[in-house]
């Protein structure tokens, strides 16, 4: 009953900033552009985490960050590894079970936390789910019958995004739901056509704490994953940034699709979605950021990374998976190295930087892991 009441309240809030309702989902529309998006607009608290750096935990490219029971899990897309850090940034463990033997995988595809079972889940190839304890110890492997690209779960079900074009055949749906107890599967969310079968653009299943969401290419609807079902939660009114499949002539390869969308400034893929109680954030294939203020009915779009008001520098946005109201800002150590170099070469330029940024920069060396800013949404 409480869940239904909460869903009704959220729907009413969505309707306050929507132009219409599409497919029973409120439409959230862009109302303004911003050249400089400052963190204080949508956050109320920030914590700095300097991640430990050593040969066991040198991060290359962050794709996903999850928080569970005071442990940060960071998926590195280039290295096929999962790095585990404590809340103070100390390195706990690195999962790098790459190989062809027992308890090993060839490629790491996605990672999720099963809070109900107390497990860390790795979606891997060959087709399977690797089950670990939350402190990173391997338990067992669960084989899958076909390739999948994303994983999420609730108390009773696994949700798997299908590889929609495999073995020269198109799969007719986007999501497979698997019952945890008996393994029964159901195919959901019909897929009429696959225009870009071999293209990827980041994870498309999102764990927002008490809710889970899913997005797909060429679809402006954000779907909720709940109780073994996939239903429309809300739609995005992209306005002038809308992508029309009329622009396509049959199937298209990834480079051509990306180039066509970039030239026309059109959105065909949503990524990095975070749905909080008041604010919703996500990025897209244009490497931009959208911020929706549900209470005030504002939909803000920016092509620039957000700014940290305390340090007066920009950060790369990531949702903090597994939480209802937190996001991450990632600042590479090279930013601080460049800052120190500029000041060293010309002391008169020191005034260009805030004292807080200079203080933080002094803690970093070349090649260090990035600074993680943990923000709480308003």
Protein backbone atom coordinates (compact mmCIF):
# COMPACT_ATOMS: atom_id res chain seq x y z
CA UNK A 1 0.00 0.00 0.00
CA UNK A 2 2.80 2.41 0.91
CA UNK A 3 4.58 1.63 -2.37
CA UNK A 4 1.43 2.44 -4.35
CA UNK A 5 0.95 5.69 -2.41
CA UNK A 6 4.58 6.69 -3.05
CA UNK A 7 4.24 5.90 -6.76
CA UNK A 8 1.06 8.01 -6.92
CA UNK A 9 2.80 10.96 -5.24
CA UNK A 10 5.75 10.72 -7.64
CA UNK A 11 3.40 10.54 -10.61
CA UNK A 12 1.59 13.68 -9.39
CA UNK A 13 4.92 15.48 -9.04
CA UNK A 14 5.94 14.41 -12.53
CA UNK A 15 2.69 15.71 -13.94
CA UNK A 16 3.48 19.16 -12.52
CA UNK A 17 6.37 19.57 -14.97
CA UNK A 18 4.96 17.64 -17.89
CA UNK A 19 3.36 18.86 -21.07
CA UNK A 20 1.32 15.73 -21.63
CA UNK A 21 1.04 12.06 -20.79
CA UNK A 22 2.40 9.49 -23.23
CA UNK A 23 1.82 5.76 -22.85
CA UNK A 24 0.50 6.42 -19.31
CA UNK A 25 3.84 8.03 -18.40
CA UNK A 26 4.22 11.76 -17.62
CA UNK A 27 6.42 13.61 -20.10
CA UNK A 28 9.25 15.71 -18.64
CA UNK A 29 10.39 18.46 -20.97
CA UNK A 30 13.42 20.71 -21.27
CA UNK A 31 12.54 24.26 -20.21
CA UNK A 32 15.93 25.97 -20.30
CA UNK A 33 19.57 25.74 -21.36
CA UNK A 34 22.51 26.35 -19.05
CA UNK A 35 26.10 27.15 -19.99
CA UNK A 36 27.28 26.60 -16.41
CA UNK A 37 25.53 24.05 -14.23
CA UNK A 38 26.55 24.57 -10.57
CA UNK A 39 26.24 21.78 -8.00
CA UNK A 40 24.34 23.92 -5.46
CA UNK A 41 21.35 23.99 -7.81
CA UNK A 42 20.47 20.36 -7.16
CA UNK A 43 22.67 19.13 -4.26
CA UNK A 44 22.79 19.99 -0.56
CA UNK A 45 25.85 18.14 0.74
CA UNK A 46 29.25 16.96 -0.55
CA UNK A 47 31.89 14.53 0.71
CA UNK A 48 35.41 14.20 -0.74
CA UNK A 49 36.96 10.74 -1.11
CA UNK A 50 40.58 10.34 -2.17
CA UNK A 51 40.92 6.78 -3.40
CA UNK A 52 44.04 4.87 -2.45
CA UNK A 53 46.39 4.24 -5.35
CA UNK A 54 48.65 1.19 -5.69
CA UNK A 55 49.47 -1.42 -8.34
CA UNK A 56 46.43 -3.47 -7.28
CA UNK A 57 43.87 -0.70 -7.71
CA UNK A 58 44.99 1.66 -10.48
CA UNK A 59 41.75 2.77 -12.13
CA UNK A 60 41.69 3.30 -15.89
CA UNK A 61 38.09 4.10 -16.94
CA UNK A 62 35.10 4.23 -14.59
CA UNK A 63 31.82 2.96 -16.02
CA UNK A 64 29.76 2.34 -12.87
CA UNK A 65 29.96 3.15 -9.14
CA UNK A 66 27.85 1.30 -6.55
CA UNK A 67 27.57 1.91 -2.81
CA UNK A 68 26.52 -0.92 -0.48
CA UNK A 69 27.16 -1.32 3.26
CA UNK A 70 29.91 1.33 3.29
CA UNK A 71 31.76 -0.25 0.33
CA UNK A 72 32.21 1.47 -3.03
CA UNK A 73 32.32 -0.92 -6.01
CA UNK A 74 33.88 0.61 -9.13
CA UNK A 75 33.59 -1.15 -12.49
CA UNK A 76 36.53 -0.42 -14.77
CA UNK A 77 35.38 -0.91 -18.35
CA UNK A 78 38.89 -1.04 -19.85
CA UNK A 79 40.38 -3.54 -17.44
CA UNK A 80 37.35 -5.81 -16.84
CA UNK A 81 37.86 -5.40 -13.09
CA UNK A 82 35.82 -4.41 -10.04
CA UNK A 83 37.66 -2.28 -7.46
CA UNK A 84 36.35 -2.19 -3.90
CA UNK A 85 37.07 0.78 -1.60
CA UNK A 86 35.99 1.74 1.91
CA UNK A 87 34.20 4.99 2.68
CA UNK A 88 37.52 6.60 3.59
CA UNK A 89 39.00 5.59 0.21
CA UNK A 90 41.19 2.69 1.36
CA UNK A 91 41.48 -0.22 -1.09
CA UNK A 92 39.71 -3.38 0.08
CA UNK A 93 39.91 -5.82 -2.82
CA UNK A 94 40.14 -6.06 -6.61
CA UNK A 95 38.11 -8.67 -8.50
CA UNK A 96 40.09 -9.64 -11.58
CA UNK A 97 39.23 -13.30 -12.12
CA UNK A 98 40.04 -13.21 -15.83
CA UNK A 99 40.69 -16.57 -17.46
CA UNK A 100 39.05 -19.79 -18.62
CA UNK A 101 39.17 -21.82 -15.42
CA UNK A 102 36.75 -22.41 -12.56
CA UNK A 103 35.55 -19.15 -11.05
CA UNK A 104 36.96 -17.08 -13.93
CA UNK A 105 35.48 -15.01 -16.75
CA UNK A 106 36.70 -13.81 -20.13
CA UNK A 107 34.89 -10.45 -20.19
CA UNK A 108 33.16 -8.45 -17.47
CA UNK A 109 29.95 -7.01 -18.90
CA UNK A 110 28.05 -5.53 -15.95
CA UNK A 111 27.95 -5.56 -12.16
CA UNK A 112 25.12 -5.23 -9.62
CA UNK A 113 24.38 -5.70 -5.94
CA UNK A 114 21.68 -8.11 -4.78
CA UNK A 115 20.83 -6.53 -1.43
CA UNK A 116 18.25 -9.19 -0.61
CA UNK A 117 20.63 -12.13 -1.10
CA UNK A 118 23.68 -10.23 0.16
CA UNK A 119 25.61 -10.84 -3.06
CA UNK A 120 27.73 -9.04 -5.62
CA UNK A 121 26.69 -10.09 -9.13
CA UNK A 122 28.98 -10.03 -12.15
CA UNK A 123 27.39 -10.45 -15.58
CA UNK A 124 30.13 -12.03 -17.69
CA UNK A 125 31.03 -13.86 -20.85
CA UNK A 126 30.85 -16.71 -21.56
CA UNK A 127 27.16 -16.20 -20.81
CA UNK A 128 26.70 -16.30 -17.05
CA UNK A 129 26.27 -14.60 -13.70
CA UNK A 130 29.15 -14.88 -11.23
CA UNK A 131 27.93 -14.75 -7.63
CA UNK A 132 30.26 -13.25 -4.99
CA UNK A 133 29.88 -12.34 -1.36
CA UNK A 134 29.62 -8.59 -0.82
CA UNK A 135 33.24 -8.60 0.38
CA UNK A 136 34.34 -9.98 -2.99
CA UNK A 137 34.77 -13.74 -2.45
CA UNK A 138 33.63 -16.02 -5.26
CA UNK A 139 30.67 -18.32 -4.51
CA UNK A 140 29.41 -19.91 -7.72
CA UNK A 141 28.61 -19.38 -11.39
CA UNK A 142 25.11 -19.40 -12.87
CA UNK A 143 25.02 -20.20 -16.59
CA UNK A 144 22.74 -18.27 -18.95
CA UNK A 145 21.30 -19.52 -22.22
CA UNK A 146 22.20 -16.46 -24.29
CA UNK A 147 24.14 -13.20 -24.15
CA UNK A 148 22.91 -10.25 -22.07
CA UNK A 149 24.36 -6.77 -21.63
CA UNK A 150 22.94 -5.44 -18.32
CA UNK A 151 21.72 -6.90 -15.04
CA UNK A 152 19.55 -5.66 -12.18
CA UNK A 153 17.52 -7.42 -9.50
CA UNK A 154 14.93 -7.07 -6.76
CA UNK A 155 13.83 -9.49 -4.04
CA UNK A 156 12.44 -12.19 -6.34
CA UNK A 157 13.71 -11.50 -9.87
CA UNK A 158 16.74 -10.87 -12.05
CA UNK A 159 16.27 -8.38 -14.90
CA UNK A 160 18.53 -8.89 -17.92
CA UNK A 161 18.84 -6.63 -20.96
CA UNK A 162 18.98 -8.76 -24.07
CA UNK A 163 21.66 -8.67 -26.72
CA UNK A 164 19.00 -7.87 -29.29
CA UNK A 165 20.83 -9.17 -32.37
CA UNK A 166 22.72 -12.41 -31.91
CA UNK A 167 23.63 -15.25 -34.29
CA UNK A 168 22.25 -13.16 -37.17
CA UNK A 169 18.78 -13.16 -35.62
CA UNK A 170 16.93 -10.31 -33.96
CA UNK A 171 15.51 -10.98 -30.52
CA UNK A 172 11.92 -9.77 -30.36
CA UNK A 173 12.10 -8.20 -26.88
CA UNK A 174 14.42 -6.00 -24.82
CA UNK A 175 14.28 -7.48 -21.31
CA UNK A 176 14.27 -11.00 -19.91
CA UNK A 177 12.94 -11.43 -16.37
CA UNK A 178 14.14 -14.50 -14.45
CA UNK A 179 12.55 -15.84 -11.27
CA UNK A 180 15.26 -16.34 -8.64
CA UNK A 181 13.68 -19.44 -7.12
CA UNK A 182 12.71 -21.64 -10.05
CA UNK A 183 14.62 -20.01 -12.93
CA UNK A 184 11.45 -19.38 -14.94
CA UNK A 185 12.00 -16.68 -17.56
CA UNK A 186 9.60 -14.31 -19.27
CA UNK A 187 10.37 -12.06 -22.24
CA UNK A 188 9.15 -8.49 -21.84
CA UNK A 189 9.07 -5.15 -23.65
CA UNK A 190 8.52 -5.99 -27.29
CA UNK A 191 11.18 -4.81 -29.74
CA UNK A 192 9.77 -4.05 -33.20
CA UNK A 193 13.05 -3.16 -34.91
CA UNK A 194 16.75 -2.99 -34.10
CA UNK A 195 18.35 -0.13 -36.00
CA UNK A 196 21.81 -0.32 -34.41
CA UNK A 197 22.30 -3.93 -33.25
CA UNK A 198 25.99 -3.77 -32.42
CA UNK A 199 26.15 -0.35 -30.76
CA UNK A 200 26.52 0.22 -27.04
CA UNK A 201 26.52 3.31 -24.87
CA UNK A 202 27.06 2.57 -21.21
CA UNK A 203 24.82 0.67 -18.79
CA UNK A 204 21.08 0.98 -19.33
CA UNK A 205 19.75 -0.55 -16.14
CA UNK A 206 19.89 1.73 -13.10
CA UNK A 207 19.65 0.86 -9.39
CA UNK A 208 18.19 3.91 -7.64
CA UNK A 209 17.96 2.32 -4.22
CA UNK A 210 14.29 1.54 -3.77
CA UNK A 211 13.54 1.66 -7.51
CA UNK A 212 15.14 0.26 -10.67
CA UNK A 213 14.91 1.67 -14.19
CA UNK A 214 15.73 0.74 -17.78
CA UNK A 215 16.24 2.68 -21.02
CA UNK A 216 16.87 1.62 -24.60
CA UNK A 217 18.00 3.14 -27.90
CA UNK A 218 15.54 5.20 -29.98
CA UNK A 219 12.99 5.22 -27.15
CA UNK A 220 12.25 8.31 -25.05
CA UNK A 221 10.48 6.26 -22.38
CA UNK A 222 12.13 5.38 -19.07
CA UNK A 223 10.82 2.04 -17.81
CA UNK A 224 10.58 0.83 -14.23
CA UNK A 225 11.63 -2.70 -13.29
CA UNK A 226 9.48 -3.96 -10.43
CA UNK A 227 7.65 -7.09 -9.25
CA UNK A 228 8.76 -9.06 -12.29
CA UNK A 229 7.42 -6.50 -14.75
CA UNK A 230 8.64 -3.71 -17.04
CA UNK A 231 6.34 -0.68 -17.18
CA UNK A 232 6.62 2.93 -18.43
CA UNK A 233 7.60 5.28 -15.59
CA UNK A 234 7.96 8.54 -17.49
CA UNK A 235 8.92 9.90 -20.89
CA UNK A 236 11.44 12.55 -21.85
CA UNK A 237 10.38 15.41 -24.08
CA UNK A 238 13.66 16.19 -25.81
CA UNK A 239 12.15 18.87 -28.04
CA UNK A 240 14.70 20.06 -30.58
CA UNK A 241 17.08 17.28 -29.49
CA UNK A 242 14.64 14.51 -30.42
CA UNK A 243 15.98 11.78 -32.71
CA UNK A 244 13.70 10.48 -35.44
CA UNK A 245 14.24 6.98 -36.82
CA UNK A 246 13.08 8.44 -40.15
CA UNK A 247 16.68 9.68 -40.35
CA UNK A 248 17.82 6.06 -40.65
CA UNK A 249 17.84 3.85 -43.72
CA UNK A 250 17.59 0.35 -42.32
CA UNK A 251 20.38 -0.74 -39.98
CA UNK A 252 23.24 1.63 -39.31
CA UNK A 253 26.73 1.07 -37.95
CA UNK A 254 27.85 2.72 -34.74
CA UNK A 255 30.20 5.33 -36.19
CA UNK A 256 27.62 6.56 -38.68
CA UNK A 257 24.91 6.66 -36.02
CA UNK A 258 27.09 8.61 -33.58
CA UNK A 259 28.20 11.02 -36.32
CA UNK A 260 24.67 11.60 -37.59
CA UNK A 261 23.35 12.24 -34.08
CA UNK A 262 26.24 14.52 -33.19
CA UNK A 263 25.81 16.58 -36.35
CA UNK A 264 22.06 17.02 -35.78
CA UNK A 265 22.41 17.24 -31.96
CA UNK A 266 19.90 14.43 -31.53
CA UNK A 267 19.47 12.09 -28.56
CA UNK A 268 19.03 8.38 -29.29
CA UNK A 269 20.41 6.96 -26.01
CA UNK A 270 19.89 7.88 -22.36
CA UNK A 271 22.58 6.90 -19.86
CA UNK A 272 23.67 7.50 -16.24
CA UNK A 273 20.12 7.92 -14.99
CA UNK A 274 19.44 8.83 -11.36
CA UNK A 275 15.87 9.27 -10.13
CA UNK A 276 15.81 10.97 -6.74
CA UNK A 277 12.82 12.21 -4.79
CA UNK A 278 13.02 15.70 -6.25
CA UNK A 279 15.73 15.74 -8.91
CA UNK A 280 16.38 13.44 -11.85
CA UNK A 281 19.64 13.47 -13.75
CA UNK A 282 20.91 11.65 -16.80
CA UNK A 283 23.29 12.00 -19.70
CA UNK A 284 22.97 10.99 -23.34
CA UNK A 285 24.93 10.11 -26.46
CA UNK A 286 25.69 13.86 -26.80
CA UNK A 287 27.80 13.67 -23.60
CA UNK A 288 25.59 16.30 -22.02
CA UNK A 289 23.60 16.39 -18.79
CA UNK A 290 19.90 16.83 -18.08
CA UNK A 291 18.63 17.91 -14.65
CA UNK A 292 14.89 17.80 -13.92
CA UNK A 293 13.52 19.59 -10.87
CA UNK A 294 10.24 17.79 -10.33
CA UNK A 295 8.93 20.23 -7.71
CA UNK A 296 9.55 23.42 -9.68
CA UNK A 297 8.82 22.00 -13.13
CA UNK A 298 12.26 22.91 -14.53
CA UNK A 299 14.08 20.81 -17.09
CA UNK A 300 17.64 22.09 -17.43
CA UNK A 301 20.02 20.97 -20.17
CA UNK A 302 23.73 21.64 -20.42
CA UNK A 303 26.52 20.56 -22.75
CA UNK A 304 29.11 21.32 -20.04
CA UNK A 305 30.10 19.19 -17.05
CA UNK A 306 28.75 20.47 -13.70
CA UNK A 307 30.83 22.77 -11.52
CA UNK A 308 31.92 22.20 -7.93
CA UNK A 309 31.18 25.49 -6.17
CA UNK A 310 33.65 24.80 -3.32
CA UNK A 311 36.62 24.27 -5.65
CA UNK A 312 35.45 26.11 -8.76
CA UNK A 313 36.24 23.23 -11.07
CA UNK A 314 34.26 20.81 -13.23
CA UNK A 315 33.55 17.16 -12.54
CA UNK A 316 32.31 14.19 -14.52
CA UNK A 317 28.83 13.03 -13.52
CA UNK A 318 28.02 9.46 -12.45
CA UNK A 319 24.96 8.17 -10.60
CA UNK A 320 25.78 6.40 -7.34
CA UNK A 321 24.05 3.09 -7.87
CA UNK A 322 22.34 1.46 -4.90
CA UNK A 323 21.27 4.79 -3.35
CA UNK A 324 18.10 6.84 -3.60
CA UNK A 325 19.56 10.33 -3.29
CA UNK A 326 23.29 10.33 -4.07
CA UNK A 327 25.40 10.98 -7.16
CA UNK A 328 29.14 11.10 -7.85
CA UNK A 329 31.46 13.67 -9.31
CA UNK A 330 34.76 12.33 -10.65
CA UNK A 331 37.80 14.63 -10.92
CA UNK A 332 40.89 13.14 -12.55
CA UNK A 333 44.22 13.59 -10.80
CA UNK A 334 45.59 15.20 -13.99
CA UNK A 335 43.36 18.21 -13.24
CA UNK A 336 45.22 18.79 -9.98
CA UNK A 337 48.62 18.07 -11.53
CA UNK A 338 47.98 20.71 -14.21
CA UNK A 339 46.86 23.18 -11.56
CA UNK A 340 50.04 22.72 -9.52
CA UNK A 341 52.20 23.01 -12.62
CA UNK A 342 50.57 26.31 -13.63
CA UNK A 343 51.05 27.79 -10.16
CA UNK A 344 54.66 26.58 -9.98
CA UNK A 345 55.53 28.14 -13.34
CA UNK A 346 53.74 31.43 -12.63
CA UNK A 347 52.85 32.19 -9.01
CA UNK A 348 50.77 35.20 -10.04
CA UNK A 349 48.22 32.80 -11.55
CA UNK A 350 47.49 31.24 -8.16
CA UNK A 351 44.54 33.61 -7.70
CA UNK A 352 42.77 31.87 -10.58
CA UNK A 353 42.18 28.87 -8.35
CA UNK A 354 40.23 28.58 -5.13
CA UNK A 355 42.06 27.88 -1.88
CA UNK A 356 40.01 24.73 -1.47
CA UNK A 357 41.10 23.43 -4.88
CA UNK A 358 44.74 24.18 -4.07
CA UNK A 359 44.39 22.37 -0.74
CA UNK A 360 43.00 19.28 -2.43
CA UNK A 361 45.57 19.43 -5.26
CA UNK A 362 48.42 19.21 -2.75
CA UNK A 363 47.23 15.71 -1.84
CA UNK A 364 47.53 14.38 -5.40
CA UNK A 365 50.43 13.15 -7.53
CA UNK A 366 50.60 12.26 -11.22
CA UNK A 367 48.90 8.92 -11.90
CA UNK A 368 46.84 8.88 -8.71
CA UNK A 369 43.30 7.56 -8.77
CA UNK A 370 40.65 10.27 -9.24
CA UNK A 371 38.98 12.31 -6.53
CA UNK A 372 35.41 11.15 -5.91
CA UNK A 373 32.86 13.72 -4.81
CA UNK A 374 29.79 12.18 -3.16
CA UNK A 375 26.82 14.52 -3.46
CA UNK A 376 23.43 14.29 -1.77
CA UNK A 377 20.56 15.47 -3.94
CA UNK A 378 18.12 18.03 -2.57
